[in-house]
Amino acid sequence: MKVTQASMLSPRQIDECKHLGALLARLRLARKIKQSDAALRAGLSRNTVYRLEHGDPGLAMGQVLRYLEAISPSSTLLDLLSEKDPALLALDAREKSKRVRDMSAAEREELDF
């Protein structure tokens, strides 16, 4: 009987895999790299990269590290998990600087006590 990695992990471990995949995807987007280009640089198939970014626990650690190196050369796994990459910080700043619109008269009236 075939056993999958996901069936052997606790829910917390599965969440950690998904978090790692989301961080890799976010770093790739912050550095404005296409998924197919990152896959080519890492020597991985696009399907493997898709699975990696979606937190598939069945992938080898070497594949994760090769992908990280392809996206952000000289970055370590610790750098990724601490989210201190300059590209990630810049992406956070861009996302936080949303333009605020003026409130309508009806919205101001709702807030009037």
PDB file of N, CA and C in Angstrom:
ATOM      1  N   MET A   1       0.843  -1.176   0.000  1.00  0.00           N
ATOM      2  CA  MET A   1       0.000   0.000   0.000  1.00  0.00           C
ATOM      3  C   MET A   1       0.888   1.239   0.000  1.00  0.00           C
ATOM      4  N   LYS A   2       0.592   2.165  -0.891  1.00  0.00           N
ATOM      5  CA  LYS A   2       1.369   3.390  -1.016  1.00  0.00           C
ATOM      6  C   LYS A   2       0.958   4.381   0.079  1.00  0.00           C
ATOM      7  N   VAL A   3       1.947   4.956   0.743  1.00  0.00           N
ATOM      8  CA  VAL A   3       1.703   5.921   1.810  1.00  0.00           C
ATOM      9  C   VAL A   3       2.194   7.288   1.342  1.00  0.00           C
ATOM     10  N   THR A   4       1.362   8.305   1.458  1.00  0.00           N
ATOM     11  CA  THR A   4       1.770   9.654   1.072  1.00  0.00           C
ATOM     12  C   THR A   4       2.348  10.381   2.270  1.00  0.00           C
ATOM     13  N   GLN A   5       3.197  11.360   2.000  1.00  0.00           N
ATOM     14  CA  GLN A   5       3.797  12.162   3.065  1.00  0.00           C
ATOM     15  C   GLN A   5       2.727  12.904   3.853  1.00  0.00           C
ATOM     16  N   ALA A   6       1.743  13.421   3.156  1.00  0.00           N
ATOM     17  CA  ALA A   6       0.698  14.208   3.818  1.00  0.00           C
ATOM     18  C   ALA A   6      -0.077  13.379   4.838  1.00  0.00           C
ATOM     19  N   SER A   7      -0.243  12.100   4.557  1.00  0.00           N
ATOM     20  CA  SER A   7      -0.995  11.266   5.494  1.00  0.00           C
ATOM     21  C   SER A   7      -0.200  10.939   6.751  1.00  0.00           C
ATOM     22  N   MET A   8       1.116  11.121   6.706  1.00  0.00           N
ATOM     23  CA  MET A   8       1.965  10.801   7.845  1.00  0.00           C
ATOM     24  C   MET A   8       2.269  12.020   8.724  1.00  0.00           C
ATOM     25  N   LEU A   9       1.857  13.197   8.283  1.00  0.00           N
ATOM     26  CA  LEU A   9       2.174  14.424   9.012  1.00  0.00           C
ATOM     27  C   LEU A   9       1.003  14.871   9.873  1.00  0.00           C
ATOM     28  N   SER A  10       1.343  15.592  10.932  1.00  0.00           N
ATOM     29  CA  SER A  10       0.300  16.177  11.777  1.00  0.00           C
ATOM     30  C   SER A  10      -0.257  17.413  11.071  1.00  0.00           C
ATOM     31  N   PRO A  11      -1.421  17.881  11.463  1.00  0.00           N
ATOM     32  CA  PRO A  11      -1.976  19.095  10.854  1.00  0.00           C
ATOM     33  C   PRO A  11      -1.040  20.301  10.993  1.00  0.00           C
ATOM     34  N   ARG A  12      -0.336  20.402  12.112  1.00  0.00           N
ATOM     35  CA  ARG A  12       0.600  21.512  12.301  1.00  0.00           C
ATOM     36  C   ARG A  12       1.745  21.437  11.286  1.00  0.00           C
ATOM     37  N   GLN A  13       2.252  20.237  11.040  1.00  0.00           N
ATOM     38  CA  GLN A  13       3.335  20.071  10.076  1.00  0.00           C
ATOM     39  C   GLN A  13       2.865  20.373   8.653  1.00  0.00           C
ATOM     40  N   ILE A  14       1.647  20.004   8.344  1.00  0.00           N
ATOM     41  CA  ILE A  14       1.095  20.314   7.023  1.00  0.00           C
ATOM     42  C   ILE A  14       0.967  21.830   6.862  1.00  0.00           C
ATOM     43  N   ASP A  15       0.521  22.507   7.913  1.00  0.00           N
ATOM     44  CA  ASP A  15       0.431  23.971   7.879  1.00  0.00           C
ATOM     45  C   ASP A  15       1.806  24.603   7.686  1.00  0.00           C
ATOM     46  N   GLU A  16       2.828  24.030   8.304  1.00  0.00           N
ATOM     47  CA  GLU A  16       4.187  24.552   8.137  1.00  0.00           C
ATOM     48  C   GLU A  16       4.664  24.387   6.700  1.00  0.00           C
ATOM     49  N   CYS A  17       4.334  23.266   6.078  1.00  0.00           N
ATOM     50  CA  CYS A  17       4.690  23.050   4.668  1.00  0.00           C
ATOM     51  C   CYS A  17       4.011  24.086   3.782  1.00  0.00           C
ATOM     52  N   LYS A  18       2.735  24.326   4.053  1.00  0.00           N
ATOM     53  CA  LYS A  18       1.997  25.317   3.261  1.00  0.00           C
ATOM     54  C   LYS A  18       2.564  26.719   3.478  1.00  0.00           C
ATOM     55  N   HIS A  19       2.962  27.030   4.710  1.00  0.00           N
ATOM     56  CA  HIS A  19       3.545  28.336   5.008  1.00  0.00           C
ATOM     57  C   HIS A  19       4.870  28.515   4.266  1.00  0.00           C
ATOM     58  N   LEU A  20       5.695  27.479   4.256  1.00  0.00           N
ATOM     59  CA  LEU A  20       6.963  27.536   3.530  1.00  0.00           C
ATOM     60  C   LEU A  20       6.720  27.753   2.045  1.00  0.00           C
ATOM     61  N   GLY A  21       5.759  27.026   1.490  1.00  0.00           N
ATOM     62  CA  GLY A  21       5.431  27.203   0.071  1.00  0.00           C
ATOM     63  C   GLY A  21       4.936  28.600  -0.230  1.00  0.00           C
ATOM     64  N   ALA A  22       4.096  29.142   0.661  1.00  0.00           N
ATOM     65  CA  ALA A  22       3.580  30.502   0.461  1.00  0.00           C
ATOM     66  C   ALA A  22       4.707  31.526   0.541  1.00  0.00           C
ATOM     67  N   LEU A  23       5.658  31.310   1.432  1.00  0.00           N
ATOM     68  CA  LEU A  23       6.804  32.226   1.522  1.00  0.00           C
ATOM     69  C   LEU A  23       7.649  32.183   0.254  1.00  0.00           C
ATOM     70  N   LEU A  24       7.859  30.994  -0.276  1.00  0.00           N
ATOM     71  CA  LEU A  24       8.624  30.876  -1.526  1.00  0.00           C
ATOM     72  C   LEU A  24       7.901  31.585  -2.672  1.00  0.00           C
ATOM     73  N   ALA A  25       6.592  31.399  -2.759  1.00  0.00           N
ATOM     74  CA  ALA A  25       5.822  32.049  -3.814  1.00  0.00           C
ATOM     75  C   ALA A  25       5.857  33.566  -3.647  1.00  0.00           C
ATOM     76  N   ARG A  26       5.732  34.020  -2.421  1.00  0.00           N
ATOM     77  CA  ARG A  26       5.748  35.465  -2.145  1.00  0.00           C
ATOM     78  C   ARG A  26       7.111  36.069  -2.483  1.00  0.00           C
ATOM     79  N   LEU A  27       8.190  35.363  -2.166  1.00  0.00           N
ATOM     80  CA  LEU A  27       9.529  35.843  -2.490  1.00  0.00           C
ATOM     81  C   LEU A  27       9.717  35.915  -4.000  1.00  0.00           C
ATOM     82  N   ARG A  28       9.222  34.900  -4.709  1.00  0.00           N
ATOM     83  CA  ARG A  28       9.325  34.915  -6.167  1.00  0.00           C
ATOM     84  C   ARG A  28       8.577  36.101  -6.754  1.00  0.00           C
ATOM     85  N   LEU A  29       7.370  36.352  -6.243  1.00  0.00           N
ATOM     86  CA  LEU A  29       6.586  37.487  -6.733  1.00  0.00           C
ATOM     87  C   LEU A  29       7.245  38.821  -6.366  1.00  0.00           C
ATOM     88  N   ALA A  30       7.818  38.900  -5.182  1.00  0.00           N
ATOM     89  CA  ALA A  30       8.478  40.131  -4.757  1.00  0.00           C
ATOM     90  C   ALA A  30       9.680  40.437  -5.642  1.00  0.00           C
ATOM     91  N   ARG A  31      10.337  39.408  -6.112  1.00  0.00           N
ATOM     92  CA  ARG A  31      11.494  39.600  -6.993  1.00  0.00           C
ATOM     93  C   ARG A  31      11.095  39.647  -8.465  1.00  0.00           C
ATOM     94  N   LYS A  32       9.785  39.574  -8.714  1.00  0.00           N
ATOM     95  CA  LYS A  32       9.219  39.701 -10.069  1.00  0.00           C
ATOM     96  C   LYS A  32       9.804  38.674 -11.044  1.00  0.00           C
ATOM     97  N   ILE A  33       9.806  37.422 -10.591  1.00  0.00           N
ATOM     98  CA  ILE A  33      10.297  36.310 -11.405  1.00  0.00           C
ATOM     99  C   ILE A  33       9.114  35.427 -11.762  1.00  0.00           C
ATOM    100  N   LYS A  34       9.005  35.078 -13.035  1.00  0.00           N
ATOM    101  CA  LYS A  34       7.941  34.170 -13.469  1.00  0.00           C
ATOM    102  C   LYS A  34       8.216  32.782 -12.899  1.00  0.00           C
ATOM    103  N   GLN A  35       7.143  32.052 -12.642  1.00  0.00           N
ATOM    104  CA  GLN A  35       7.281  30.717 -12.091  1.00  0.00           C
ATOM    105  C   GLN A  35       8.061  29.806 -13.038  1.00  0.00           C
ATOM    106  N   SER A  36       7.805  29.936 -14.325  1.00  0.00           N
ATOM    107  CA  SER A  36       8.504  29.092 -15.299  1.00  0.00           C
ATOM    108  C   SER A  36       9.994  29.433 -15.360  1.00  0.00           C
ATOM    109  N   ASP A  37      10.341  30.716 -15.222  1.00  0.00           N
ATOM    110  CA  ASP A  37      11.750  31.110 -15.219  1.00  0.00           C
ATOM    111  C   ASP A  37      12.469  30.592 -13.978  1.00  0.00           C
ATOM    112  N   ALA A  38      11.800  30.675 -12.831  1.00  0.00           N
ATOM    113  CA  ALA A  38      12.389  30.171 -11.588  1.00  0.00           C
ATOM    114  C   ALA A  38      12.584  28.656 -11.671  1.00  0.00           C
ATOM    115  N   ALA A  39      11.633  27.963 -12.268  1.00  0.00           N
ATOM    116  CA  ALA A  39      11.751  26.508 -12.429  1.00  0.00           C
ATOM    117  C   ALA A  39      12.939  26.161 -13.305  1.00  0.00           C
ATOM    118  N   LEU A  40      13.105  26.899 -14.384  1.00  0.00           N
ATOM    119  CA  LEU A  40      14.222  26.669 -15.296  1.00  0.00           C
ATOM    120  C   LEU A  40      15.553  26.910 -14.589  1.00  0.00           C
ATOM    121  N   ARG A  41      15.661  28.003 -13.834  1.00  0.00           N
ATOM    122  CA  ARG A  41      16.893  28.307 -13.096  1.00  0.00           C
ATOM    123  C   ARG A  41      17.227  27.224 -12.081  1.00  0.00           C
ATOM    124  N   ALA A  42      16.196  26.659 -11.445  1.00  0.00           N
ATOM    125  CA  ALA A  42      16.411  25.655 -10.401  1.00  0.00           C
ATOM    126  C   ALA A  42      16.586  24.251 -10.965  1.00  0.00           C
ATOM    127  N   GLY A  43      16.311  24.087 -12.246  1.00  0.00           N
ATOM    128  CA  GLY A  43      16.399  22.764 -12.849  1.00  0.00           C
ATOM    129  C   GLY A  43      15.248  21.866 -12.434  1.00  0.00           C
ATOM    130  N   LEU A  44      14.097  22.475 -12.201  1.00  0.00           N
ATOM    131  CA  LEU A  44      12.902  21.747 -11.785  1.00  0.00           C
ATOM    132  C   LEU A  44      11.821  21.915 -12.838  1.00  0.00           C
ATOM    133  N   SER A  45      10.864  20.999 -12.844  1.00  0.00           N
ATOM    134  CA  SER A  45       9.739  21.168 -13.760  1.00  0.00           C
ATOM    135  C   SER A  45       8.788  22.210 -13.180  1.00  0.00           C
ATOM    136  N   ARG A  46       7.992  22.797 -14.052  1.00  0.00           N
ATOM    137  CA  ARG A  46       7.031  23.789 -13.586  1.00  0.00           C
ATOM    138  C   ARG A  46       6.004  23.155 -12.655  1.00  0.00           C
ATOM    139  N   ASN A  47       5.661  21.901 -12.905  1.00  0.00           N
ATOM    140  CA  ASN A  47       4.730  21.187 -12.043  1.00  0.00           C
ATOM    141  C   ASN A  47       5.318  21.018 -10.632  1.00  0.00           C
ATOM    142  N   THR A  48       6.599  20.715 -10.546  1.00  0.00           N
ATOM    143  CA  THR A  48       7.257  20.576  -9.245  1.00  0.00           C
ATOM    144  C   THR A  48       7.255  21.905  -8.509  1.00  0.00           C
ATOM    145  N   VAL A  49       7.511  22.982  -9.225  1.00  0.00           N
ATOM    146  CA  VAL A  49       7.506  24.313  -8.615  1.00  0.00           C
ATOM    147  C   VAL A  49       6.106  24.658  -8.123  1.00  0.00           C
ATOM    148  N   TYR A  50       5.104  24.321  -8.901  1.00  0.00           N
ATOM    149  CA  TYR A  50       3.716  24.549  -8.480  1.00  0.00           C
ATOM    150  C   TYR A  50       3.442  23.810  -7.173  1.00  0.00           C
ATOM    151  N   ARG A  51       3.826  22.543  -7.125  1.00  0.00           N
ATOM    152  CA  ARG A  51       3.626  21.749  -5.905  1.00  0.00           C
ATOM    153  C   ARG A  51       4.404  22.330  -4.733  1.00  0.00           C
ATOM    154  N   LEU A  52       5.614  22.799  -5.013  1.00  0.00           N
ATOM    155  CA  LEU A  52       6.455  23.397  -3.979  1.00  0.00           C
ATOM    156  C   LEU A  52       5.790  24.628  -3.376  1.00  0.00           C
ATOM    157  N   GLU A  53       5.293  25.506  -4.233  1.00  0.00           N
ATOM    158  CA  GLU A  53       4.675  26.747  -3.774  1.00  0.00           C
ATOM    159  C   GLU A  53       3.332  26.511  -3.088  1.00  0.00           C
ATOM    160  N   HIS A  54       2.746  25.352  -3.285  1.00  0.00           N
ATOM    161  CA  HIS A  54       1.482  25.035  -2.619  1.00  0.00           C
ATOM    162  C   HIS A  54       1.691  24.153  -1.393  1.00  0.00           C
ATOM    163  N   GLY A  55       2.954  23.958  -1.011  1.00  0.00           N
ATOM    164  CA  GLY A  55       3.255  23.278   0.246  1.00  0.00           C
ATOM    165  C   GLY A  55       3.141  21.774   0.217  1.00  0.00           C
ATOM    166  N   ASP A  56       3.404  21.148  -0.916  1.00  0.00           N
ATOM    167  CA  ASP A  56       3.365  19.691  -0.995  1.00  0.00           C
ATOM    168  C   ASP A  56       4.498  19.112  -0.137  1.00  0.00           C
ATOM    169  N   PRO A  57       4.179  18.334   0.892  1.00  0.00           N
ATOM    170  CA  PRO A  57       5.215  17.808   1.775  1.00  0.00           C
ATOM    171  C   PRO A  57       6.005  16.646   1.182  1.00  0.00           C
ATOM    172  N   GLY A  58       5.622  16.162   0.022  1.00  0.00           N
ATOM    173  CA  GLY A  58       6.292  15.024  -0.585  1.00  0.00           C
ATOM    174  C   GLY A  58       7.546  15.377  -1.369  1.00  0.00           C
ATOM    175  N   LEU A  59       7.896  16.649  -1.430  1.00  0.00           N
ATOM    176  CA  LEU A  59       9.071  17.060  -2.191  1.00  0.00           C
ATOM    177  C   LEU A  59      10.322  17.002  -1.330  1.00  0.00           C
ATOM    178  N   ALA A  60      11.447  16.787  -1.968  1.00  0.00           N
ATOM    179  CA  ALA A  60      12.726  16.680  -1.263  1.00  0.00           C
ATOM    180  C   ALA A  60      13.220  18.053  -0.818  1.00  0.00           C
ATOM    181  N   MET A  61      13.914  18.061   0.290  1.00  0.00           N
ATOM    182  CA  MET A  61      14.461  19.307   0.825  1.00  0.00           C
ATOM    183  C   MET A  61      15.444  19.942  -0.161  1.00  0.00           C
ATOM    184  N   GLY A  62      16.156  19.125  -0.893  1.00  0.00           N
ATOM    185  CA  GLY A  62      17.088  19.639  -1.894  1.00  0.00           C
ATOM    186  C   GLY A  62      16.384  20.458  -2.961  1.00  0.00           C
ATOM    187  N   GLN A  63      15.185  20.038  -3.335  1.00  0.00           N
ATOM    188  CA  GLN A  63      14.419  20.785  -4.323  1.00  0.00           C
ATOM    189  C   GLN A  63      14.013  22.141  -3.769  1.00  0.00           C
ATOM    190  N   VAL A  64      13.639  22.189  -2.509  1.00  0.00           N
ATOM    191  CA  VAL A  64      13.271  23.454  -1.866  1.00  0.00           C
ATOM    192  C   VAL A  64      14.471  24.392  -1.876  1.00  0.00           C
ATOM    193  N   LEU A  65      15.637  23.878  -1.500  1.00  0.00           N
ATOM    194  CA  LEU A  65      16.835  24.716  -1.430  1.00  0.00           C
ATOM    195  C   LEU A  65      17.307  25.167  -2.812  1.00  0.00           C
ATOM    196  N   ARG A  66      17.187  24.297  -3.824  1.00  0.00           N
ATOM    197  CA  ARG A  66      17.542  24.698  -5.192  1.00  0.00           C
ATOM    198  C   ARG A  66      16.616  25.803  -5.688  1.00  0.00           C
ATOM    199  N   TYR A  67      15.339  25.681  -5.366  1.00  0.00           N
ATOM    200  CA  TYR A  67      14.370  26.694  -5.784  1.00  0.00           C
ATOM    201  C   TYR A  67      14.644  28.021  -5.089  1.00  0.00           C
ATOM    202  N   LEU A  68      14.946  27.967  -3.810  1.00  0.00           N
ATOM    203  CA  LEU A  68      15.272  29.189  -3.069  1.00  0.00           C
ATOM    204  C   LEU A  68      16.507  29.862  -3.664  1.00  0.00           C
ATOM    205  N   GLU A  69      17.501  29.085  -4.010  1.00  0.00           N
ATOM    206  CA  GLU A  69      18.725  29.626  -4.615  1.00  0.00           C
ATOM    207  C   GLU A  69      18.426  30.248  -5.978  1.00  0.00           C
ATOM    208  N   ALA A  70      17.498  29.657  -6.727  1.00  0.00           N
ATOM    209  CA  ALA A  70      17.141  30.193  -8.044  1.00  0.00           C
ATOM    210  C   ALA A  70      16.414  31.526  -7.919  1.00  0.00           C
ATOM    211  N   ILE A  71      15.609  31.670  -6.880  1.00  0.00           N
ATOM    212  CA  ILE A  71      14.848  32.904  -6.687  1.00  0.00           C
ATOM    213  C   ILE A  71      15.701  33.987  -6.058  1.00  0.00           C
ATOM    214  N   SER A  72      16.452  33.610  -5.053  1.00  0.00           N
ATOM    215  CA  SER A  72      17.229  34.579  -4.281  1.00  0.00           C
ATOM    216  C   SER A  72      18.611  34.005  -3.983  1.00  0.00           C
ATOM    217  N   PRO A  73      19.546  34.193  -4.909  1.00  0.00           N
ATOM    218  CA  PRO A  73      20.884  33.641  -4.707  1.00  0.00           C
ATOM    219  C   PRO A  73      21.490  34.105  -3.381  1.00  0.00           C
ATOM    220  N   SER A  74      22.169  33.204  -2.745  1.00  0.00           N
ATOM    221  CA  SER A  74      22.858  33.403  -1.463  1.00  0.00           C
ATOM    222  C   SER A  74      21.915  33.586  -0.281  1.00  0.00           C
ATOM    223  N   SER A  75      20.619  33.391  -0.463  1.00  0.00           N
ATOM    224  CA  SER A  75      19.682  33.405   0.660  1.00  0.00           C
ATOM    225  C   SER A  75      19.661  32.032   1.307  1.00  0.00           C
ATOM    226  N   THR A  76      19.446  32.026   2.596  1.00  0.00           N
ATOM    227  CA  THR A  76      19.326  30.764   3.317  1.00  0.00           C
ATOM    228  C   THR A  76      17.860  30.526   3.665  1.00  0.00           C
ATOM    229  N   LEU A  77      17.586  29.322   4.106  1.00  0.00           N
ATOM    230  CA  LEU A  77      16.236  28.995   4.533  1.00  0.00           C
ATOM    231  C   LEU A  77      15.850  29.843   5.742  1.00  0.00           C
ATOM    232  N   LEU A  78      16.811  30.105   6.603  1.00  0.00           N
ATOM    233  CA  LEU A  78      16.557  30.956   7.767  1.00  0.00           C
ATOM    234  C   LEU A  78      16.190  32.375   7.342  1.00  0.00           C
ATOM    235  N   ASP A  79      16.866  32.899   6.312  1.00  0.00           N
ATOM    236  CA  ASP A  79      16.523  34.231   5.785  1.00  0.00           C
ATOM    237  C   ASP A  79      15.081  34.249   5.282  1.00  0.00           C
ATOM    238  N   LEU A  80      14.692  33.194   4.593  1.00  0.00           N
ATOM    239  CA  LEU A  80      13.328  33.122   4.061  1.00  0.00           C
ATOM    240  C   LEU A  80      12.305  33.095   5.186  1.00  0.00           C
ATOM    241  N   LEU A  81      12.553  32.256   6.183  1.00  0.00           N
ATOM    242  CA  LEU A  81      11.593  32.106   7.270  1.00  0.00           C
ATOM    243  C   LEU A  81      11.509  33.350   8.152  1.00  0.00           C
ATOM    244  N   SER A  82      12.595  34.117   8.246  1.00  0.00           N
ATOM    245  CA  SER A  82      12.558  35.347   9.037  1.00  0.00           C
ATOM    246  C   SER A  82      11.946  36.505   8.258  1.00  0.00           C
ATOM    247  N   GLU A  83      11.738  36.312   6.952  1.00  0.00           N
ATOM    248  CA  GLU A  83      11.104  37.295   6.074  1.00  0.00           C
ATOM    249  C   GLU A  83      11.811  38.645   6.117  1.00  0.00           C
ATOM    250  N   LYS A  84      13.142  38.633   6.099  1.00  0.00           N
ATOM    251  CA  LYS A  84      13.914  39.869   6.132  1.00  0.00           C
ATOM    252  C   LYS A  84      14.561  40.193   4.792  1.00  0.00           C
ATOM    253  N   ASP A  85      14.149  39.508   3.767  1.00  0.00           N
ATOM    254  CA  ASP A  85      14.676  39.782   2.440  1.00  0.00           C
ATOM    255  C   ASP A  85      14.230  41.178   2.004  1.00  0.00           C
ATOM    256  N   PRO A  86      15.120  41.984   1.446  1.00  0.00           N
ATOM    257  CA  PRO A  86      14.744  43.344   1.024  1.00  0.00           C
ATOM    258  C   PRO A  86      13.580  43.371   0.039  1.00  0.00           C
ATOM    259  N   ALA A  87      13.502  42.393  -0.828  1.00  0.00           N
ATOM    260  CA  ALA A  87      12.399  42.355  -1.793  1.00  0.00           C
ATOM    261  C   ALA A  87      11.066  42.118  -1.083  1.00  0.00           C
ATOM    262  N   LEU A  88      11.061  41.268  -0.061  1.00  0.00           N
ATOM    263  CA  LEU A  88       9.842  41.035   0.705  1.00  0.00           C
ATOM    264  C   LEU A  88       9.439  42.276   1.482  1.00  0.00           C
ATOM    265  N   LEU A  89      10.408  42.975   2.048  1.00  0.00           N
ATOM    266  CA  LEU A  89      10.114  44.197   2.793  1.00  0.00           C
ATOM    267  C   LEU A  89       9.545  45.262   1.867  1.00  0.00           C
ATOM    268  N   ALA A  90      10.086  45.365   0.658  1.00  0.00           N
ATOM    269  CA  ALA A  90       9.581  46.334  -0.314  1.00  0.00           C
ATOM    270  C   ALA A  90       8.157  45.965  -0.745  1.00  0.00           C
ATOM    271  N   LEU A  91       7.893  44.664  -0.924  1.00  0.00           N
ATOM    272  CA  LEU A  91       6.548  44.225  -1.285  1.00  0.00           C
ATOM    273  C   LEU A  91       5.558  44.553  -0.170  1.00  0.00           C
ATOM    274  N   ASP A  92       5.956  44.327   1.068  1.00  0.00           N
ATOM    275  CA  ASP A  92       5.094  44.677   2.207  1.00  0.00           C
ATOM    276  C   ASP A  92       4.779  46.167   2.211  1.00  0.00           C
ATOM    277  N   ALA A  93       5.788  46.998   1.957  1.00  0.00           N
ATOM    278  CA  ALA A  93       5.583  48.451   1.942  1.00  0.00           C
ATOM    279  C   ALA A  93       4.626  48.855   0.826  1.00  0.00           C
ATOM    280  N   ARG A  94       4.770  48.239  -0.354  1.00  0.00           N
ATOM    281  CA  ARG A  94       3.871  48.554  -1.471  1.00  0.00           C
ATOM    282  C   ARG A  94       2.439  48.152  -1.138  1.00  0.00           C
ATOM    283  N   GLU A  95       2.286  47.013  -0.485  1.00  0.00           N
ATOM    284  CA  GLU A  95       0.944  46.551  -0.153  1.00  0.00           C
ATOM    285  C   GLU A  95       0.292  47.407   0.930  1.00  0.00           C
ATOM    286  N   LYS A  96       1.089  47.949   1.825  1.00  0.00           N
ATOM    287  CA  LYS A  96       0.537  48.762   2.907  1.00  0.00           C
ATOM    288  C   LYS A  96       0.200  50.176   2.464  1.00  0.00           C
ATOM    289  N   SER A  97       0.824  50.648   1.420  1.00  0.00           N
ATOM    290  CA  SER A  97       0.593  52.025   0.997  1.00  0.00           C
ATOM    291  C   SER A  97      -0.576  52.092   0.019  1.00  0.00           C
ATOM    292  N   LYS A  98      -1.730  51.726   0.494  1.00  0.00           N
ATOM    293  CA  LYS A  98      -2.953  51.826  -0.305  1.00  0.00           C
ATOM    294  C   LYS A  98      -3.512  53.238  -0.160  1.00  0.00           C
ATOM    295  N   ARG A  99      -4.032  53.737  -1.211  1.00  0.00           N
ATOM    296  CA  ARG A  99      -4.619  55.065  -1.186  1.00  0.00           C
ATOM    297  C   ARG A  99      -5.952  55.005  -0.451  1.00  0.00           C
ATOM    298  N   VAL A 100      -6.146  55.929   0.424  1.00  0.00           N
ATOM    299  CA  VAL A 100      -7.382  55.980   1.207  1.00  0.00           C
ATOM    300  C   VAL A 100      -8.315  56.982   0.556  1.00  0.00           C
ATOM    301  N   ARG A 101      -9.568  56.578   0.371  1.00  0.00           N
ATOM    302  CA  ARG A 101     -10.533  57.477  -0.247  1.00  0.00           C
ATOM    303  C   ARG A 101     -11.266  58.254   0.840  1.00  0.00           C
ATOM    304  N   ASP A 102     -11.821  59.385   0.457  1.00  0.00           N
ATOM    305  CA  ASP A 102     -12.621  60.173   1.387  1.00  0.00           C
ATOM    306  C   ASP A 102     -13.918  59.441   1.690  1.00  0.00           C
ATOM    307  N   MET A 103     -14.424  59.667   2.893  1.00  0.00           N
ATOM    308  CA  MET A 103     -15.700  59.057   3.279  1.00  0.00           C
ATOM    309  C   MET A 103     -16.845  59.827   2.638  1.00  0.00           C
ATOM    310  N   SER A 104     -17.884  59.105   2.291  1.00  0.00           N
ATOM    311  CA  SER A 104     -19.062  59.756   1.729  1.00  0.00           C
ATOM    312  C   SER A 104     -19.851  60.387   2.866  1.00  0.00           C
ATOM    313  N   ALA A 105     -20.798  61.230   2.518  1.00  0.00           N
ATOM    314  CA  ALA A 105     -21.630  61.878   3.531  1.00  0.00           C
ATOM    315  C   ALA A 105     -22.413  60.839   4.340  1.00  0.00           C
ATOM    316  N   ALA A 106     -22.896  59.803   3.676  1.00  0.00           N
ATOM    317  CA  ALA A 106     -23.647  58.753   4.371  1.00  0.00           C
ATOM    318  C   ALA A 106     -22.759  58.013   5.369  1.00  0.00           C
ATOM    319  N   GLU A 107     -21.510  57.757   4.989  1.00  0.00           N
ATOM    320  CA  GLU A 107     -20.588  57.078   5.898  1.00  0.00           C
ATOM    321  C   GLU A 107     -20.261  57.961   7.110  1.00  0.00           C
ATOM    322  N   ARG A 108     -20.106  59.265   6.864  1.00  0.00           N
ATOM    323  CA  ARG A 108     -19.848  60.194   7.997  1.00  0.00           C
ATOM    324  C   ARG A 108     -21.033  60.246   8.933  1.00  0.00           C
ATOM    325  N   GLU A 109     -22.240  60.226   8.392  1.00  0.00           N
ATOM    326  CA  GLU A 109     -23.444  60.248   9.216  1.00  0.00           C
ATOM    327  C   GLU A 109     -23.569  59.003  10.075  1.00  0.00           C
ATOM    328  N   GLU A 110     -23.162  57.842   9.523  1.00  0.00           N
ATOM    329  CA  GLU A 110     -23.185  56.597  10.291  1.00  0.00           C
ATOM    330  C   GLU A 110     -22.264  56.674  11.495  1.00  0.00           C
ATOM    331  N   LEU A 111     -21.155  57.362  11.341  1.00  0.00           N
ATOM    332  CA  LEU A 111     -20.194  57.472  12.446  1.00  0.00           C
ATOM    333  C   LEU A 111     -20.556  58.576  13.435  1.00  0.00           C
ATOM    334  N   ASP A 112     -21.493  59.448  13.074  1.00  0.00           N
ATOM    335  CA  ASP A 112     -21.879  60.544  13.944  1.00  0.00           C
ATOM    336  C   ASP A 112     -22.689  59.998  15.123  1.00  0.00           C
ATOM    337  N   PHE A 113     -22.248  60.312  16.327  1.00  0.00           N
ATOM    338  CA  PHE A 113     -22.925  59.810  17.530  1.00  0.00           C
ATOM    339  C   PHE A 113     -23.998  60.769  17.894  1.00  0.00           C
TER     340      PHE A 113
END
